[in-house]
């Protein structure tokens, strides 16, 4: 079934982003990332107070692969 799309404005798009308008069969990521962060790392806002007297981040990962990407053409 065809899609009806109105006005679209794209200010910016990243190098590994996917932008699609209309019908689509498969949308798959081209990259993956693993992020390690300690307590309070991703807090945003005004006047945030964080107190982490004893904090550690375990970055050991025994898996061989976490996010396998299969190329679809």
Protein backbone atom coordinates (compact mmCIF):
# COMPACT_ATOMS: atom_id res chain seq x y z
CA UNK A 1 0.00 0.00 0.00
CA UNK A 2 1.53 3.34 -0.98
CA UNK A 3 2.34 5.84 1.72
CA UNK A 4 1.11 9.42 1.61
CA UNK A 5 3.73 11.77 3.04
CA UNK A 6 3.38 15.49 3.68
CA UNK A 7 6.15 18.04 4.01
CA UNK A 8 9.46 16.77 5.41
CA UNK A 9 12.32 18.89 6.74
CA UNK A 10 15.66 17.27 7.54
CA UNK A 11 18.16 19.54 9.31
CA UNK A 12 20.97 17.02 9.53
CA UNK A 13 21.56 13.30 9.34
CA UNK A 14 24.49 11.31 10.68
CA UNK A 15 26.92 9.31 8.59
CA UNK A 16 25.51 5.95 9.73
CA UNK A 17 21.86 7.04 9.93
CA UNK A 18 18.89 5.67 8.06
CA UNK A 19 16.33 8.04 6.53
CA UNK A 20 13.32 6.57 4.79
CA UNK A 21 10.09 8.01 3.45
CA UNK A 22 7.38 5.70 2.21
CA UNK A 23 7.09 1.94 2.11
CA UNK A 24 10.01 -0.16 3.30
CA UNK A 25 10.70 -3.88 3.57
CA UNK A 26 13.83 -3.97 5.76
CA UNK A 27 15.69 -1.28 7.68
CA UNK A 28 18.83 -2.58 9.38
CA UNK A 29 21.68 -0.82 11.18
CA UNK A 30 25.09 -0.71 9.56
CA UNK A 31 27.09 -0.25 12.77
CA UNK A 32 26.85 -1.03 16.45
CA UNK A 33 28.55 0.35 19.53
CA UNK A 34 29.06 -0.72 23.12
CA UNK A 35 29.17 1.96 25.78
CA UNK A 36 30.47 1.61 29.31
CA UNK A 37 29.63 4.33 31.81
CA UNK A 38 29.68 4.63 35.57
CA UNK A 39 27.00 5.83 37.94
CA UNK A 40 25.61 9.26 37.04
CA UNK A 41 27.40 9.43 33.69
CA UNK A 42 24.45 10.31 31.46
CA UNK A 43 22.68 12.79 33.72
CA UNK A 44 21.82 16.08 32.04
CA UNK A 45 20.14 19.23 33.27
CA UNK A 46 20.65 22.23 35.48
CA UNK A 47 21.95 22.05 39.05
CA UNK A 48 22.51 18.29 39.21
CA UNK A 49 24.39 17.03 42.26
CA UNK A 50 25.79 13.51 42.10
CA UNK A 51 27.65 11.86 44.95
CA UNK A 52 29.28 8.54 44.17
CA UNK A 53 31.69 7.75 46.97
CA UNK A 54 32.46 4.28 45.71
CA UNK A 55 31.64 3.57 42.09
CA UNK A 56 33.22 1.25 39.55
CA UNK A 57 32.25 0.09 36.08
CA UNK A 58 32.88 -3.52 35.10
CA UNK A 59 34.03 -3.53 31.47
CA UNK A 60 34.91 -7.23 31.29
CA UNK A 61 32.85 -9.01 28.63
CA UNK A 62 33.52 -12.67 27.97
CA UNK A 63 31.33 -12.84 24.85
CA UNK A 64 33.07 -13.18 21.52
CA UNK A 65 30.51 -11.02 19.70
CA UNK A 66 27.57 -9.03 21.04
CA UNK A 67 25.89 -7.49 17.99
CA UNK A 68 26.45 -9.38 14.78
CA UNK A 69 25.44 -7.44 11.69
CA UNK A 70 24.48 -9.29 8.55
CA UNK A 71 24.70 -7.23 5.38
CA UNK A 72 21.40 -7.18 3.48
CA UNK A 73 21.54 -6.17 -0.17
